[in-house]
C-alpha cells in the first residue's frame, strides 16, 4: 500500500512540474517556484559581493554593465511579449565585475550577474562579452538552477523508491541496488548539466543577436578557450560539453539563432 501511495504522489508531482523552456521547446521538470529560490539567490549574491573585491577599473565595469543591460532588456522584452510578465517582474537585474583571475562568470536566478576579470581576455571584445553574458543570463531565463534543485529532490525520491523496491531482500542485494542507482543518478545529473550548458549556449546566442551583437564571436570565445590547453575529462563524465562539441554546435546554430532572433525582434516591433 505504501508503494502505491508513494508512486501515485510521484506521478502527480511529475504532471504538475512538467514545463516547457521558451524558444528551445525542451520539456523540463521543475518543482521549485521563484518565490522560494529568488530570495535565497538575492541574499547569496549580496553576501558574495561583500566577501569579494569589486573591480575598480571604471571602463571595464562600465563595459560589463552596458552589455548586460542591453542583453537583459532583450530578454525582458521577450518575456513580456510572451505571457511571462509576472516572471519578468521578479527579475532584479544587476551586473558586477569582480577582481579575480578565475576564468568565470555566472548568473543567479533572478538576474544577478558576476563577471570575473580573469575571463575578459577570453571574451576579448564587446561581442565576446555579450556571448558569455547571454549564456549566463540564459541559465536564469531557462530556470536551470531550479531544475537542478528539482533533480536533486527527484534523486532522493528515486533512492526511496529503490529502498521500497528492495525491502525484504538480503542486505547485500539492497546495497548493490543502492550503489547501481547512485552511479546511474550521478551520471544522469552530469548529462542534464551538459543539456543545460548547450541550451544556454543556444539561448544566449539568440539573445545576443536580439541585442545587436555578432553571434560568430560566441564560437570564437570557445576557440580561444580551447587554445588555453589543459586536459578535459571525458565528456560523459563532465558537467560541460567539450570545447570541440560547443564550437561545432554553435557554428551550426548561427543560421537558426539568427532566424529566431530576427523573427522575435520583428514580432516585438509589430506589437
Protein backbone atom coordinates (compact mmCIF):
# COMPACT_ATOMS: atom_id res chain seq x y z
CA UNK A 1 0.00 0.00 0.00
CA UNK A 2 2.86 2.38 0.85
CA UNK A 3 4.41 1.72 -2.55
CA UNK A 4 1.15 2.54 -4.35
CA UNK A 5 0.71 5.81 -2.43
CA UNK A 6 4.35 6.76 -3.00
CA UNK A 7 4.26 6.18 -6.74
CA UNK A 8 0.91 7.98 -7.04
CA UNK A 9 2.45 11.05 -5.41
CA UNK A 10 5.42 10.89 -7.77
CA UNK A 11 3.14 10.69 -10.82
CA UNK A 12 1.07 13.68 -9.68
CA UNK A 13 4.19 15.77 -8.98
CA UNK A 14 5.61 14.88 -12.39
CA UNK A 15 2.47 16.10 -14.15
CA UNK A 16 2.33 19.34 -12.15
CA UNK A 17 6.03 20.13 -12.56
CA UNK A 18 6.32 19.46 -16.30
CA UNK A 19 7.07 22.75 -18.11
CA UNK A 20 8.50 23.90 -21.44
CA UNK A 21 11.58 26.10 -21.90
CA UNK A 22 10.69 29.05 -24.17
CA UNK A 23 12.40 29.22 -27.59
CA UNK A 24 14.08 25.78 -27.36
CA UNK A 25 10.83 23.95 -26.55
CA UNK A 26 12.62 21.48 -24.28
CA UNK A 27 10.43 19.84 -21.65
CA UNK A 28 11.72 20.30 -18.13
CA UNK A 29 10.77 19.08 -14.67
CA UNK A 30 10.65 21.92 -12.15
CA UNK A 31 9.13 21.76 -8.68
CA UNK A 32 10.82 24.87 -7.24
CA UNK A 33 8.88 28.17 -7.54
CA UNK A 34 10.53 31.59 -7.95
CA UNK A 35 9.05 32.65 -4.61
CA UNK A 36 11.24 30.07 -2.92
CA UNK A 37 14.51 30.38 -4.82
CA UNK A 38 14.81 34.10 -5.62
CA UNK A 39 15.05 35.45 -2.04
CA UNK A 40 17.82 32.92 -1.36
CA UNK A 41 19.63 33.86 -4.59
CA UNK A 42 19.46 37.59 -3.86
CA UNK A 43 20.78 37.09 -0.33
CA UNK A 44 23.63 34.88 -1.53
CA UNK A 45 24.55 37.44 -4.18
CA UNK A 46 24.76 40.24 -1.61
CA UNK A 47 26.90 38.03 0.60
CA UNK A 48 29.22 37.23 -2.31
CA UNK A 49 29.72 40.90 -3.15
CA UNK A 50 30.63 41.71 0.46
CA UNK A 51 33.20 38.93 0.57
CA UNK A 52 34.88 39.60 -2.80
CA UNK A 53 36.72 42.54 -4.32
CA UNK A 54 34.70 44.56 -6.81
CA UNK A 55 36.84 45.80 -9.70
CA UNK A 56 37.90 49.45 -9.58
CA UNK A 57 38.51 49.54 -13.34
CA UNK A 58 35.85 52.04 -14.39
CA UNK A 59 35.96 51.34 -18.15
CA UNK A 60 35.75 47.55 -17.79
CA UNK A 61 32.98 47.84 -15.20
CA UNK A 62 31.01 50.15 -17.50
CA UNK A 63 31.52 47.70 -20.37
CA UNK A 64 30.07 44.81 -18.33
CA UNK A 65 27.12 46.85 -17.10
CA UNK A 66 26.29 48.31 -20.54
CA UNK A 67 26.39 44.95 -22.31
CA UNK A 68 24.48 43.28 -19.50
CA UNK A 69 21.83 45.99 -19.72
CA UNK A 70 21.39 45.53 -23.48
CA UNK A 71 21.01 41.76 -23.24
CA UNK A 72 18.76 41.84 -20.19
CA UNK A 73 16.48 44.34 -21.98
CA UNK A 74 16.21 41.93 -24.91
CA UNK A 75 15.29 39.12 -22.51
CA UNK A 76 12.81 41.34 -20.67
CA UNK A 77 11.09 42.37 -23.92
CA UNK A 78 10.81 38.75 -24.98
CA UNK A 79 9.33 37.71 -21.65
CA UNK A 80 6.75 40.50 -21.54
CA UNK A 81 5.70 39.82 -25.13
CA UNK A 82 5.21 36.12 -24.48
CA UNK A 83 3.00 35.94 -21.42
CA UNK A 84 5.84 35.96 -18.88
CA UNK A 85 5.22 39.39 -17.35
CA UNK A 86 4.97 38.09 -13.79
CA UNK A 87 8.31 36.31 -14.14
CA UNK A 88 9.90 39.38 -15.72
CA UNK A 89 8.73 41.47 -12.76
CA UNK A 90 10.58 39.09 -10.42
CA UNK A 91 13.96 39.79 -12.01
CA UNK A 92 16.33 42.20 -10.26
CA UNK A 93 19.00 42.73 -12.89
CA UNK A 94 22.45 43.60 -11.57
CA UNK A 95 25.88 43.31 -13.17
CA UNK A 96 29.18 43.40 -11.32
CA UNK A 97 32.81 42.86 -12.26
CA UNK A 98 34.89 41.11 -9.61
CA UNK A 99 38.67 41.47 -9.47
CA UNK A 100 39.62 37.81 -9.68
CA UNK A 101 41.89 35.93 -12.18
CA UNK A 102 39.48 32.98 -12.42
CA UNK A 103 38.04 32.30 -15.87
CA UNK A 104 34.44 32.51 -14.79
CA UNK A 105 31.12 34.33 -14.99
CA UNK A 106 27.71 33.38 -13.63
CA UNK A 107 24.13 34.50 -13.25
CA UNK A 108 21.96 33.62 -10.29
CA UNK A 109 18.20 33.05 -10.60
CA UNK A 110 16.53 36.44 -10.83
CA UNK A 111 19.23 38.14 -12.92
CA UNK A 112 22.17 38.68 -10.55
CA UNK A 113 25.32 38.52 -12.71
CA UNK A 114 29.03 38.42 -11.86
CA UNK A 115 31.92 38.57 -14.32
CA UNK A 116 35.46 37.82 -13.19
CA UNK A 117 38.28 39.96 -14.61
CA UNK A 118 40.10 36.73 -15.49
CA UNK A 119 37.64 35.89 -18.26
CA UNK A 120 37.89 39.25 -20.04
CA UNK A 121 40.93 38.24 -22.18
CA UNK A 122 38.92 35.24 -23.42
CA UNK A 123 35.90 37.45 -24.13
CA UNK A 124 38.32 39.88 -25.85
CA UNK A 125 35.70 42.35 -27.10
CA UNK A 126 32.10 43.54 -26.69
CA UNK A 127 30.71 40.70 -28.78
CA UNK A 128 32.66 38.12 -26.77
CA UNK A 129 31.38 39.57 -23.51
CA UNK A 130 27.87 39.54 -24.98
CA UNK A 131 28.25 35.85 -25.84
CA UNK A 132 29.29 34.96 -22.29
CA UNK A 133 26.69 37.31 -20.80
CA UNK A 134 23.93 35.84 -22.96
CA UNK A 135 24.94 32.32 -21.96
CA UNK A 136 24.92 33.07 -18.23
CA UNK A 137 21.66 35.04 -18.34
CA UNK A 138 20.09 32.16 -20.26
CA UNK A 139 20.72 29.82 -17.33
CA UNK A 140 18.48 32.08 -15.24
CA UNK A 141 15.95 32.58 -18.06
CA UNK A 142 15.56 28.80 -18.54
CA UNK A 143 15.45 28.25 -14.75
CA UNK A 144 18.30 25.76 -14.84
CA UNK A 145 19.07 26.39 -11.17
CA UNK A 146 15.53 25.50 -10.14
CA UNK A 147 15.62 22.47 -12.41
CA UNK A 148 18.86 21.23 -10.83
CA UNK A 149 17.31 21.64 -7.38
CA UNK A 150 14.31 19.62 -8.59
CA UNK A 151 16.62 16.92 -9.95
CA UNK A 152 18.18 16.66 -6.50
CA UNK A 153 14.74 16.17 -4.99
CA UNK A 154 13.90 13.59 -7.66
CA UNK A 155 17.14 11.73 -6.97
CA UNK A 156 16.21 11.50 -3.30
CA UNK A 157 12.75 10.21 -4.23
CA UNK A 158 14.38 7.66 -6.54
CA UNK A 159 16.55 6.44 -3.69
CA UNK A 160 13.44 5.96 -1.58
CA UNK A 161 11.83 4.03 -4.44
CA UNK A 162 14.84 1.70 -4.65
CA UNK A 163 14.70 1.16 -0.89
CA UNK A 164 11.00 0.33 -1.07
CA UNK A 165 11.51 -1.93 -4.06
CA UNK A 166 14.26 -3.94 -2.39
CA UNK A 167 12.69 -4.08 1.06
CA UNK A 168 12.70 -7.62 2.36
CA UNK A 169 15.60 -8.69 0.14
CA UNK A 170 19.03 -9.65 1.58
CA UNK A 171 21.12 -6.71 2.80
CA UNK A 172 23.81 -7.36 0.19
CA UNK A 173 21.21 -7.17 -2.61
CA UNK A 174 19.89 -3.89 -1.22
CA UNK A 175 23.42 -2.44 -1.12
CA UNK A 176 24.10 -3.49 -4.73
CA UNK A 177 20.93 -1.83 -5.98
CA UNK A 178 21.62 1.35 -4.00
CA UNK A 179 25.13 1.51 -5.48
CA UNK A 180 23.86 0.96 -9.02
CA UNK A 181 21.21 3.63 -8.54
CA UNK A 182 23.75 6.07 -7.07
CA UNK A 183 26.12 5.73 -10.02
CA UNK A 184 23.29 5.98 -12.54
CA UNK A 185 21.85 9.06 -10.85
CA UNK A 186 25.25 10.78 -10.80
CA UNK A 187 25.93 10.15 -14.50
CA UNK A 188 22.35 11.21 -15.29
CA UNK A 189 22.84 14.51 -13.45
CA UNK A 190 26.03 15.16 -15.42
CA UNK A 191 24.12 14.58 -18.65
CA UNK A 192 21.43 17.07 -17.63
CA UNK A 193 24.12 19.59 -16.76
CA UNK A 194 25.51 19.26 -20.29
CA UNK A 195 21.97 19.68 -21.65
CA UNK A 196 21.69 22.91 -19.66
CA UNK A 197 25.01 24.20 -20.98
CA UNK A 198 24.07 23.51 -24.60
CA UNK A 199 20.67 25.11 -24.10
CA UNK A 200 22.25 28.20 -22.50
CA UNK A 201 24.71 28.41 -25.41
CA UNK A 202 21.84 28.45 -27.90
CA UNK A 203 19.53 30.76 -25.97
CA UNK A 204 22.46 33.07 -25.28
CA UNK A 205 23.20 33.29 -28.99
CA UNK A 206 19.58 34.22 -29.74
CA UNK A 207 19.58 36.92 -27.06
CA UNK A 208 22.95 38.40 -28.11
CA UNK A 209 21.69 38.68 -31.71
CA UNK A 210 18.47 40.31 -30.48
CA UNK A 211 20.64 42.84 -28.63
CA UNK A 212 22.65 43.62 -31.78
CA UNK A 213 25.83 41.58 -31.25
CA UNK A 214 27.74 39.31 -33.65
CA UNK A 215 26.98 35.59 -32.97
CA UNK A 216 30.23 34.42 -34.59
CA UNK A 217 32.04 35.70 -31.53
CA UNK A 218 30.28 33.04 -29.41
CA UNK A 219 32.16 30.47 -31.49
CA UNK A 220 35.40 32.44 -31.23
CA UNK A 221 35.15 32.56 -27.44
CA UNK A 222 35.25 28.76 -27.31
CA UNK A 223 38.04 28.60 -29.86
CA UNK A 224 40.09 30.87 -27.61
CA UNK A 225 39.11 28.76 -24.60
CA UNK A 226 40.28 25.59 -26.35
CA UNK A 227 43.62 27.23 -27.20
CA UNK A 228 44.38 27.57 -23.49
CA UNK A 229 45.08 23.82 -23.42
CA UNK A 230 44.67 21.65 -20.35
CA UNK A 231 43.24 18.16 -20.26
CA UNK A 232 39.47 17.88 -20.12
CA UNK A 233 37.68 14.90 -18.55
CA UNK A 234 35.73 12.55 -20.84
CA UNK A 235 32.57 14.39 -21.94
CA UNK A 236 30.20 11.83 -20.41
CA UNK A 237 31.86 12.42 -17.03
CA UNK A 238 31.86 16.20 -17.32
CA UNK A 239 29.30 18.81 -16.38
CA UNK A 240 30.06 20.68 -19.61
CA UNK A 241 30.28 19.62 -23.26
CA UNK A 242 33.80 19.51 -24.70
CA UNK A 243 35.18 22.66 -26.33
CA UNK A 244 35.07 20.93 -29.71
CA UNK A 245 31.41 19.97 -29.24
CA UNK A 246 30.45 23.53 -28.32
CA UNK A 247 32.36 25.06 -31.22
CA UNK A 248 30.66 22.72 -33.69
CA UNK A 249 27.19 23.14 -32.18
CA UNK A 250 27.37 26.94 -32.01
CA UNK A 251 28.74 27.20 -35.55
CA UNK A 252 25.87 25.09 -36.87
CA UNK A 253 23.32 27.01 -34.80
CA UNK A 254 24.14 30.52 -36.08
CA UNK A 255 21.65 30.45 -39.01
CA UNK A 256 18.80 29.18 -36.82
CA UNK A 257 19.61 31.57 -33.98
CA UNK A 258 19.71 34.48 -36.44
CA UNK A 259 16.34 33.49 -37.89
CA UNK A 260 14.75 33.15 -34.43
CA UNK A 261 16.19 36.46 -33.22
CA UNK A 262 15.03 38.34 -36.32
CA UNK A 263 11.54 36.87 -36.02
CA UNK A 264 11.31 37.74 -32.34
CA UNK A 265 12.51 41.30 -32.94
CA UNK A 266 10.02 41.67 -35.83
CA UNK A 267 7.17 40.37 -33.69
CA UNK A 268 8.11 42.82 -30.92
CA UNK A 269 8.07 45.74 -33.39
CA UNK A 270 4.60 44.75 -34.61
CA UNK A 271 3.07 44.64 -31.13
